[in-house]
C-alpha cells in the first residue's frame, strides 16, 4: 500500500508541473481521473488515512500553488477541499476522506456482503430500496457536514472571502470549474485566464493589473467590472443575450434580437416606464409559453460585490433588478404588445435570478422534449455556457485596454491600398 501512495505522489508531482502551464487541464485531470485511483482503495481498506499524509502534503505544497499561482494557508486548503457547489475547488483532502469513505462503503454494501458470505447465487434477496435509502441517508449526512464546514469557515475567513464564498455557492456559478476544457466549445482557458478566474472567485486582487484605470479612477476588482469605458459591460451583456437567442431558435419561432416595440400613440397607455417610440428589448420569440404568444426578455448583468450593494442580500438584489426591469417594460408589453415579459437578470459571478431560472428551465424542458435527451444534462449545458459567457466577458474587462491607442497622423481613408502604382500613359508632346 505504501508503494501505491508513493506512485500517486510521483504522478501528482508530474501533474503539478503540468499545472504551471495548463492549470485548467490539470484540475480536470485531478478531479475526474487521478483522485479516483485512491478513492477506491479508501473505500475498501480500513485505517489507512495516515498513509495518505505524503499525498496531502504534495497537494498543499505543490499542486494547489501551481494551480492558483500562490501558496495557500491551511484555512484556504480546507475551503478548496469543498465541492464546487459549496464554494470550493473540489480538491478533496485524502487524509480526511479515508475513514469517512470506508464507513460509508461498509454501511451501504452491508446487505450485499451478507449475501456473498452466505454463498447466495441470486440478488433476489437483496432489498434494493433499503440500499438506496442508506445511500440517500449518507448523502444527506455528508451534505449536512459540508454545510457545517462552510459555516465554520465563514467565522474564520476575512470579510471579502466570506462574501465571495456566499456568492459562489449559487447554482451554476462554478460550472466553468467542472466542465471539461474543450476548445471546440469555447470551454478552454489559458493559464492567465484560469488563475484570474480563481482570483475573481474568491475576491483576491489580480496581479499585473494597473493601479489606475484609464478613466482616472483607482483600479479594483469592482471598478474593473463596473467601468463602462472600453464597452466591456455592453460586450458582456451582448454575449449572454446572443447565447439565449441561440437556444431559443432551437425550440421557438420568430426569434429576434433587439426587436422594436410598437409605438404608443394614445396617451392613456403612457405610464411609468419606457414610453419611447423607438424602444427596444433584447430578445423576443414566439411559442415559449404558448403557441402564438410573443415572449420578450431583457438582459441585465450586475456586479453583486459593488459598494452600493453592501447592505443588501443577494435575493434582495435580484428582486431589485427584476422589479426595475418590470417597471420599465412590463405594462407596455402586456397592454400594447399583448405578450409576456421576463427580466433576465444575472450576476458577474455566474448567478441567475429566479425569473431567469424559470425562463432557462422552460427552454431546457422544450429542448428535452425535442431532442429526447435528459433534462438535467440540457440544463447543465445551458448553465455552463452562460457561465463561460459571463466569465470570459469579465476577464476581457479586467485585462482589456481602456486607454487611448496611438492614432495615425494620416487617416486610413487617405491611404492607397494599391502598393504598386499603376503605370500612367503620357501623350507625346
Protein backbone atom coordinates (compact mmCIF):
# COMPACT_ATOMS: atom_id res chain seq x y z
CA UNK A 1 0.00 0.00 0.00
CA UNK A 2 2.84 2.37 0.82
CA UNK A 3 4.29 1.79 -2.65
CA UNK A 4 0.97 2.75 -4.22
CA UNK A 5 0.89 6.02 -2.32
CA UNK A 6 4.46 6.79 -3.37
CA UNK A 7 3.48 6.24 -7.01
CA UNK A 8 0.45 8.50 -6.63
CA UNK A 9 2.69 11.18 -5.13
CA UNK A 10 5.02 10.96 -8.16
CA UNK A 11 2.05 11.16 -10.52
CA UNK A 12 0.76 14.20 -8.64
CA UNK A 13 4.19 15.86 -8.85
CA UNK A 14 4.12 15.42 -12.63
CA UNK A 15 0.60 16.83 -12.73
CA UNK A 16 1.79 19.80 -10.65
CA UNK A 17 4.44 20.54 -13.28
CA UNK A 18 1.74 20.44 -15.95
CA UNK A 19 -0.45 22.73 -13.83
CA UNK A 20 2.09 25.55 -14.14
CA UNK A 21 1.29 25.91 -17.85
CA UNK A 22 -2.11 24.18 -18.08
CA UNK A 23 -3.89 24.67 -14.74
CA UNK A 24 -7.39 24.05 -16.09
CA UNK A 25 -6.41 20.73 -17.69
CA UNK A 26 -4.52 19.72 -14.54
CA UNK A 27 -7.51 20.39 -12.27
CA UNK A 28 -9.79 18.48 -14.62
CA UNK A 29 -7.36 15.54 -14.68
CA UNK A 30 -7.14 15.55 -10.89
CA UNK A 31 -10.86 15.74 -10.17
CA UNK A 32 -12.10 13.45 -12.95
CA UNK A 33 -9.33 10.84 -13.04
CA UNK A 34 -6.38 10.88 -10.63
CA UNK A 35 -8.22 11.18 -7.31
CA UNK A 36 -10.44 8.19 -8.17
CA UNK A 37 -7.38 5.91 -8.02
CA UNK A 38 -7.13 6.23 -4.26
CA UNK A 39 -10.87 6.74 -3.70
CA UNK A 40 -11.48 3.04 -4.48
CA UNK A 41 -8.72 1.94 -2.11
CA UNK A 42 -10.07 4.17 0.68
CA UNK A 43 -13.49 2.56 0.37
CA UNK A 44 -12.19 -0.98 0.67
CA UNK A 45 -9.29 -0.87 3.21
CA UNK A 46 -9.75 0.38 6.80
CA UNK A 47 -7.39 2.51 8.93
CA UNK A 48 -5.13 3.79 6.17
CA UNK A 49 -5.56 7.56 6.48
CA UNK A 50 -2.05 8.06 7.89
CA UNK A 51 -0.59 6.60 4.70
CA UNK A 52 -2.07 9.49 2.71
CA UNK A 53 -0.22 12.23 4.62
CA UNK A 54 2.57 12.50 1.95
CA UNK A 55 -0.09 12.76 -0.75
CA UNK A 56 -1.91 15.56 1.07
CA UNK A 57 1.40 17.35 1.66
CA UNK A 58 2.10 17.22 -2.09
CA UNK A 59 -1.38 18.59 -2.84
CA UNK A 60 -0.97 21.53 -0.47
CA UNK A 61 2.66 22.40 -1.17
CA UNK A 62 2.94 21.71 -4.91
CA UNK A 63 -0.35 21.08 -6.70
CA UNK A 64 -2.50 23.93 -5.34
CA UNK A 65 0.24 26.62 -5.65
CA UNK A 66 0.79 25.55 -9.26
CA UNK A 67 -2.95 25.82 -9.94
CA UNK A 68 -3.71 29.20 -8.37
CA UNK A 69 -0.32 30.87 -8.59
CA UNK A 70 0.18 31.33 -4.84
CA UNK A 71 0.71 29.34 -1.68
CA UNK A 72 -2.36 28.93 0.49
CA UNK A 73 -2.89 28.67 4.22
CA UNK A 74 -4.43 25.59 5.92
CA UNK A 75 -7.68 27.59 6.17
CA UNK A 76 -7.84 28.08 2.41
CA UNK A 77 -6.85 24.44 1.95
CA UNK A 78 -9.98 23.50 3.87
CA UNK A 79 -12.03 25.76 1.62
CA UNK A 80 -10.55 24.30 -1.59
CA UNK A 81 -11.44 20.80 -0.35
CA UNK A 82 -15.14 21.70 -0.51
CA UNK A 83 -17.13 20.62 -3.59
CA UNK A 84 -17.53 23.31 -6.25
CA UNK A 85 -21.23 23.74 -5.39
CA UNK A 86 -20.22 24.71 -1.83
CA UNK A 87 -17.62 27.23 -2.97
CA UNK A 88 -14.51 25.04 -3.14
CA UNK A 89 -12.38 23.68 -5.97
CA UNK A 90 -13.22 20.03 -5.37
CA UNK A 91 -9.63 19.14 -4.36
CA UNK A 92 -10.54 16.58 -1.71
CA UNK A 93 -8.24 16.03 1.28
CA UNK A 94 -7.35 12.29 1.03
CA UNK A 95 -6.46 12.06 4.73
CA UNK A 96 -9.88 13.27 5.87
CA UNK A 97 -11.74 11.27 3.21
CA UNK A 98 -10.23 7.87 4.01
CA UNK A 99 -12.16 6.86 7.15
CA UNK A 100 -15.35 8.61 6.05
CA UNK A 101 -15.49 6.86 2.68
CA UNK A 102 -14.68 3.46 4.21
CA UNK A 103 -17.50 3.70 6.76
CA UNK A 104 -19.93 4.79 4.06
CA UNK A 105 -18.92 1.89 1.81
CA UNK A 106 -19.24 -0.68 4.61
CA UNK A 107 -22.68 0.56 5.59
CA UNK A 108 -24.12 0.74 2.08
CA UNK A 109 -22.76 -2.66 0.97
CA UNK A 110 -23.55 -4.46 4.24
CA UNK A 111 -26.55 -6.37 2.86
CA UNK A 112 -24.70 -7.35 -0.30
CA UNK A 113 -21.73 -8.55 1.74
CA UNK A 114 -24.07 -10.77 3.79
CA UNK A 115 -25.38 -12.39 0.63
CA UNK A 116 -21.85 -13.10 -0.56
CA UNK A 117 -20.89 -14.50 2.86
CA UNK A 118 -23.92 -16.83 2.80
CA UNK A 119 -22.97 -18.01 -0.72
CA UNK A 120 -26.21 -16.76 -2.27
CA UNK A 121 -26.23 -17.16 -6.06
CA UNK A 122 -29.01 -14.65 -6.71
CA UNK A 123 -29.65 -11.00 -5.87
CA UNK A 124 -33.38 -11.55 -5.39
CA UNK A 125 -32.98 -11.35 -1.62
CA UNK A 126 -31.20 -8.01 -1.86
CA UNK A 127 -33.51 -5.18 -0.80
CA UNK A 128 -32.52 -2.52 -3.32
CA UNK A 129 -34.84 0.06 -1.80
CA UNK A 130 -33.09 -0.38 1.54
CA UNK A 131 -29.69 0.05 -0.13
CA UNK A 132 -30.90 3.19 -1.92
CA UNK A 133 -32.27 4.53 1.37
CA UNK A 134 -28.89 4.00 3.06
CA UNK A 135 -27.11 5.71 0.19
CA UNK A 136 -29.50 8.65 0.34
CA UNK A 137 -29.04 8.91 4.11
CA UNK A 138 -25.26 9.07 3.68
CA UNK A 139 -25.61 11.78 1.04
CA UNK A 140 -27.80 13.85 3.36
CA UNK A 141 -25.38 13.33 6.24
CA UNK A 142 -22.46 14.34 4.01
CA UNK A 143 -24.29 17.48 2.83
CA UNK A 144 -25.07 18.38 6.43
CA UNK A 145 -21.43 18.03 7.40
CA UNK A 146 -20.34 20.11 4.40
CA UNK A 147 -22.76 22.89 5.36
CA UNK A 148 -21.39 22.86 8.89
CA UNK A 149 -17.87 23.10 7.46
CA UNK A 150 -18.89 26.10 5.34
CA UNK A 151 -20.42 27.87 8.35
CA UNK A 152 -17.28 27.20 10.39
CA UNK A 153 -15.08 28.59 7.62
CA UNK A 154 -17.19 31.75 7.44
CA UNK A 155 -16.40 32.51 11.07
CA UNK A 156 -12.64 32.38 10.34
CA UNK A 157 -12.34 33.93 6.86
CA UNK A 158 -11.90 37.64 6.21
CA UNK A 159 -14.98 39.61 5.15
CA UNK A 160 -14.09 39.76 1.45
CA UNK A 161 -13.55 36.00 1.12
CA UNK A 162 -16.60 35.29 3.29
CA UNK A 163 -18.76 37.41 0.98
CA UNK A 164 -17.29 35.65 -2.05
CA UNK A 165 -17.97 32.23 -0.52
CA UNK A 166 -21.64 33.11 -0.18
CA UNK A 167 -21.90 34.33 -3.77
CA UNK A 168 -20.16 31.39 -5.43
CA UNK A 169 -22.46 28.84 -3.81
CA UNK A 170 -25.19 29.81 -6.27
CA UNK A 171 -26.22 27.03 -8.59
CA UNK A 172 -24.32 27.25 -11.87
CA UNK A 173 -21.75 29.81 -10.73
CA UNK A 174 -18.99 27.18 -10.67
CA UNK A 175 -19.91 25.46 -13.93
CA UNK A 176 -16.70 26.72 -15.57
CA UNK A 177 -14.73 24.72 -12.99
CA UNK A 178 -16.45 21.38 -13.52
CA UNK A 179 -16.65 21.47 -17.33
CA UNK A 180 -14.11 19.63 -19.44
CA UNK A 181 -11.66 22.10 -21.08
CA UNK A 182 -12.95 21.56 -24.63
CA UNK A 183 -11.63 24.19 -27.02
CA UNK A 184 -14.27 23.35 -29.65
CA UNK A 185 -16.99 24.54 -27.24
CA UNK A 186 -15.06 27.57 -26.02
CA UNK A 187 -14.52 25.99 -22.59
CA UNK A 188 -10.72 26.24 -22.61
CA UNK A 189 -8.74 28.84 -20.61
CA UNK A 190 -5.07 29.69 -20.85
CA UNK A 191 -3.08 29.80 -17.61
CA UNK A 192 -3.54 33.54 -17.01
CA UNK A 193 -7.30 33.38 -17.62
CA UNK A 194 -7.75 30.38 -15.33
CA UNK A 195 -5.80 31.92 -12.46
CA UNK A 196 -7.67 35.21 -12.93
CA UNK A 197 -10.94 33.27 -12.67
CA UNK A 198 -9.83 31.68 -9.40
CA UNK A 199 -8.82 35.09 -8.03
CA UNK A 200 -12.19 36.51 -9.08
CA UNK A 201 -13.99 33.57 -7.48
CA UNK A 202 -12.51 34.31 -4.07
CA UNK A 203 -12.30 38.09 -4.33
CA UNK A 204 -8.49 38.20 -4.42
CA UNK A 205 -6.69 41.08 -6.05
CA UNK A 206 -5.49 40.14 -9.53
CA UNK A 207 -1.74 40.62 -10.08
CA UNK A 208 -0.46 42.53 -13.07
CA UNK A 209 -3.38 44.95 -13.37
CA UNK A 210 -2.72 48.73 -13.43
CA UNK A 211 -3.13 50.79 -10.26
CA UNK A 212 -5.33 53.35 -12.03
CA UNK A 213 -7.93 52.90 -14.75
CA UNK A 214 -7.89 54.94 -17.96
CA UNK A 215 -10.88 56.87 -16.54
CA UNK A 216 -8.50 58.16 -13.78
CA UNK A 217 -10.23 56.16 -11.03
CA UNK A 218 -8.25 53.82 -8.76
CA UNK A 219 -8.43 50.28 -10.09
CA UNK A 220 -10.02 47.45 -8.14
CA UNK A 221 -11.93 44.26 -8.87
CA UNK A 222 -15.20 46.14 -8.55
CA UNK A 223 -14.14 49.05 -10.71
CA UNK A 224 -12.84 46.83 -13.49
CA UNK A 225 -16.19 45.04 -13.65
CA UNK A 226 -18.29 48.22 -13.44
CA UNK A 227 -16.35 50.72 -15.56
CA UNK A 228 -18.13 51.37 -18.86
CA UNK A 229 -15.03 52.70 -20.60
CA UNK A 230 -13.99 50.37 -23.41
CA UNK A 231 -17.51 48.98 -23.91
CA UNK A 232 -16.84 45.81 -21.92
CA UNK A 233 -20.07 45.93 -19.91
CA UNK A 234 -22.04 46.03 -23.18
CA UNK A 235 -19.87 43.23 -24.57
CA UNK A 236 -20.74 41.10 -21.52
CA UNK A 237 -24.44 41.85 -21.96
CA UNK A 238 -24.42 41.01 -25.68
CA UNK A 239 -22.65 37.67 -25.16
CA UNK A 240 -25.35 36.42 -22.81
CA UNK A 241 -28.16 37.80 -24.99
CA UNK A 242 -26.80 36.06 -28.11
CA UNK A 243 -26.45 32.71 -26.33
CA UNK A 244 -30.03 32.88 -25.04
CA UNK A 245 -31.25 33.75 -28.54
CA UNK A 246 -29.36 30.76 -29.96
CA UNK A 247 -31.08 28.37 -27.55
CA UNK A 248 -34.46 29.97 -28.30
CA UNK A 249 -34.00 29.36 -32.03
CA UNK A 250 -33.88 25.63 -31.32
CA UNK A 251 -37.30 25.49 -29.63
CA UNK A 252 -39.31 28.58 -30.65
CA UNK A 253 -40.21 30.57 -33.74
CA UNK A 254 -39.68 34.16 -34.89
CA UNK A 255 -36.66 34.78 -32.64
CA UNK A 256 -35.46 38.38 -32.88
CA UNK A 257 -32.57 40.26 -31.31
CA UNK A 258 -33.37 43.83 -30.23
CA UNK A 259 -36.96 43.81 -31.52
CA UNK A 260 -38.59 47.23 -31.79
CA UNK A 261 -41.70 47.75 -29.67
CA UNK A 262 -44.97 49.08 -31.11
CA UNK A 263 -45.06 52.89 -30.72
CA UNK A 264 -47.53 54.24 -28.14
CA UNK A 265 -49.90 56.66 -29.87
CA UNK A 266 -52.54 57.16 -27.20
CA UNK A 267 -51.67 59.00 -24.01
CA UNK A 268 -53.91 56.68 -21.97
CA UNK A 269 -51.34 53.89 -22.42
CA UNK A 270 -48.41 56.03 -21.31
CA UNK A 271 -47.41 55.06 -17.80
CA UNK A 272 -44.26 55.00 -15.73
CA UNK A 273 -41.53 53.25 -17.65
CA UNK A 274 -40.04 53.44 -21.12
CA UNK A 275 -42.57 55.11 -23.46
CA UNK A 276 -40.10 55.97 -26.24
CA UNK A 277 -41.27 55.35 -29.80
CA UNK A 278 -38.03 53.54 -30.71
CA UNK A 279 -37.78 51.45 -27.55
CA UNK A 280 -36.28 48.01 -27.98
CA UNK A 281 -35.88 44.94 -25.83
CA UNK A 282 -33.03 42.44 -26.05
CA UNK A 283 -34.75 39.35 -27.43
CA UNK A 284 -38.20 38.08 -28.40
CA UNK A 285 -39.69 34.80 -29.60
CA UNK A 286 -43.00 33.02 -30.22
CA UNK A 287 -44.05 29.75 -28.66
CA UNK A 288 -42.07 29.65 -25.43
CA UNK A 289 -45.05 29.57 -23.05
CA UNK A 290 -47.90 29.16 -25.53
CA UNK A 291 -48.08 28.62 -29.28
CA UNK A 292 -48.57 32.14 -30.64
CA UNK A 293 -47.72 34.34 -27.66
CA UNK A 294 -44.72 36.64 -28.07
CA UNK A 295 -42.31 36.50 -25.14
CA UNK A 296 -39.89 39.36 -24.57
CA UNK A 297 -36.73 39.23 -22.47
CA UNK A 298 -34.35 41.96 -21.37
CA UNK A 299 -30.89 41.09 -20.04
CA UNK A 300 -29.11 42.71 -17.13
CA UNK A 301 -25.81 41.58 -15.59
CA UNK A 302 -24.75 43.28 -12.36
CA UNK A 303 -21.79 43.03 -10.01
CA UNK A 304 -23.07 41.92 -6.58
CA UNK A 305 -19.80 42.98 -4.92
CA UNK A 306 -20.35 46.67 -5.77
CA UNK A 307 -20.06 49.05 -2.84
CA UNK A 308 -23.61 50.30 -3.39
CA UNK A 309 -24.96 46.80 -2.66
CA UNK A 310 -23.14 46.24 0.64
CA UNK A 311 -26.26 46.40 2.79
CA UNK A 312 -28.39 44.09 0.61
CA UNK A 313 -28.57 40.31 0.39
CA UNK A 314 -28.37 38.54 -2.96
CA UNK A 315 -32.13 37.70 -3.05
CA UNK A 316 -32.86 41.37 -2.38
CA UNK A 317 -30.57 42.41 -5.23
CA UNK A 318 -32.25 40.01 -7.63
CA UNK A 319 -35.66 41.37 -6.64
CA UNK A 320 -34.41 44.94 -7.03
CA UNK A 321 -33.17 44.46 -10.59
CA UNK A 322 -36.13 42.34 -11.67
CA UNK A 323 -38.59 44.96 -10.40
CA UNK A 324 -36.66 47.74 -12.11
CA UNK A 325 -36.90 45.94 -15.47
CA UNK A 326 -40.59 45.28 -14.90
CA UNK A 327 -41.28 48.95 -14.14
CA UNK A 328 -39.65 49.89 -17.43
CA UNK A 329 -41.32 47.40 -19.76
CA UNK A 330 -43.90 45.11 -18.15
CA UNK A 331 -47.05 47.23 -18.62
CA UNK A 332 -46.08 48.22 -22.14
CA UNK A 333 -45.51 44.60 -23.20
CA UNK A 334 -48.75 43.40 -21.57
CA UNK A 335 -51.05 46.21 -22.75
CA UNK A 336 -49.60 47.23 -26.13
CA UNK A 337 -47.69 44.16 -27.37
CA UNK A 338 -50.17 41.70 -25.77
CA UNK A 339 -47.22 39.47 -24.94
CA UNK A 340 -45.29 38.34 -21.87
CA UNK A 341 -42.14 39.79 -20.38
CA UNK A 342 -39.27 38.22 -18.39
CA UNK A 343 -36.38 40.17 -16.85
CA UNK A 344 -33.24 38.12 -17.48
CA UNK A 345 -31.01 39.10 -14.55
CA UNK A 346 -27.58 37.55 -13.92
CA UNK A 347 -24.55 38.31 -11.76
CA UNK A 348 -20.93 38.66 -12.81
CA UNK A 349 -20.20 35.62 -10.61
CA UNK A 350 -22.46 33.43 -12.79
CA UNK A 351 -25.60 33.51 -10.64
CA UNK A 352 -29.11 33.66 -12.03
CA UNK A 353 -32.22 35.43 -10.68
CA UNK A 354 -35.43 33.42 -10.00
CA UNK A 355 -37.32 34.60 -13.10
CA UNK A 356 -34.27 33.98 -15.30
CA UNK A 357 -34.06 30.48 -13.84
CA UNK A 358 -37.69 29.77 -14.76
CA UNK A 359 -37.06 31.12 -18.27
CA UNK A 360 -33.99 28.91 -18.75
CA UNK A 361 -35.77 25.88 -17.29
CA UNK A 362 -38.57 26.33 -19.80
CA UNK A 363 -36.04 26.34 -22.65
CA UNK A 364 -34.39 23.20 -21.24
CA UNK A 365 -37.78 21.50 -20.90
CA UNK A 366 -38.69 22.18 -24.52
CA UNK A 367 -35.22 21.13 -25.70
CA UNK A 368 -35.57 17.88 -23.76
CA UNK A 369 -38.91 17.19 -25.42
CA UNK A 370 -37.47 17.94 -28.86
CA UNK A 371 -34.18 16.05 -28.61
CA UNK A 372 -35.32 13.27 -26.21
CA UNK A 373 -32.23 13.95 -24.11
CA UNK A 374 -32.03 14.25 -20.33
CA UNK A 375 -33.46 17.49 -18.96
CA UNK A 376 -30.71 17.67 -16.31
CA UNK A 377 -27.97 17.36 -18.93
CA UNK A 378 -29.50 20.10 -21.08
CA UNK A 379 -29.93 22.37 -18.07
CA UNK A 380 -26.30 21.77 -17.13
CA UNK A 381 -25.23 22.60 -20.69
CA UNK A 382 -27.10 25.92 -20.65
CA UNK A 383 -25.78 26.88 -17.22
CA UNK A 384 -22.22 26.00 -18.29
CA UNK A 385 -22.39 28.02 -21.48
CA UNK A 386 -23.84 31.08 -19.76
CA UNK A 387 -21.23 30.75 -17.01
CA UNK A 388 -18.42 30.78 -19.58
CA UNK A 389 -20.03 33.70 -21.46
CA UNK A 390 -20.08 35.78 -18.30
CA UNK A 391 -16.65 34.75 -17.01
CA UNK A 392 -14.93 35.34 -20.35
CA UNK A 393 -16.53 38.77 -20.65
CA UNK A 394 -15.42 39.66 -17.12
CA UNK A 395 -11.87 38.52 -17.93
CA UNK A 396 -11.82 40.74 -21.03
CA UNK A 397 -12.97 43.68 -18.91
CA UNK A 398 -10.14 43.06 -16.42
CA UNK A 399 -7.28 42.60 -18.87
CA UNK A 400 -8.64 44.63 -21.80
CA UNK A 401 -7.28 48.02 -22.80
CA UNK A 402 -9.35 51.07 -21.82
CA UNK A 403 -6.88 53.80 -22.77
CA UNK A 404 -6.39 55.70 -25.99
CA UNK A 405 -4.49 53.99 -28.77
CA UNK A 406 -1.78 55.72 -30.75
CA UNK A 407 -3.58 57.40 -33.61
CA UNK A 408 -2.10 57.77 -37.08
CA UNK A 409 -1.42 61.28 -38.24
CA UNK A 410 -2.97 60.44 -41.62
CA UNK A 411 -6.45 58.85 -41.66
CA UNK A 412 -6.77 55.36 -43.11
CA UNK A 413 -9.18 56.64 -45.76
CA UNK A 414 -6.36 58.67 -47.33
CA UNK A 415 -4.05 55.64 -47.73
CA UNK A 416 -3.96 53.86 -51.08
CA UNK A 417 -4.21 50.07 -50.81
CA UNK A 418 -2.53 49.71 -54.19
CA UNK A 419 1.09 49.49 -53.08
CA UNK A 420 2.34 49.31 -56.70
CA UNK A 421 1.03 52.42 -58.52
CA UNK A 422 -0.45 51.78 -61.92
CA UNK A 423 1.67 52.91 -64.84
CA UNK A 424 0.36 56.11 -66.31
CA UNK A 425 0.32 56.80 -70.02
CA UNK A 426 1.64 60.13 -71.21
CA UNK A 427 0.94 61.72 -74.57
CA UNK A 428 3.86 62.73 -76.70
CA UNK A 429 4.14 66.49 -76.99
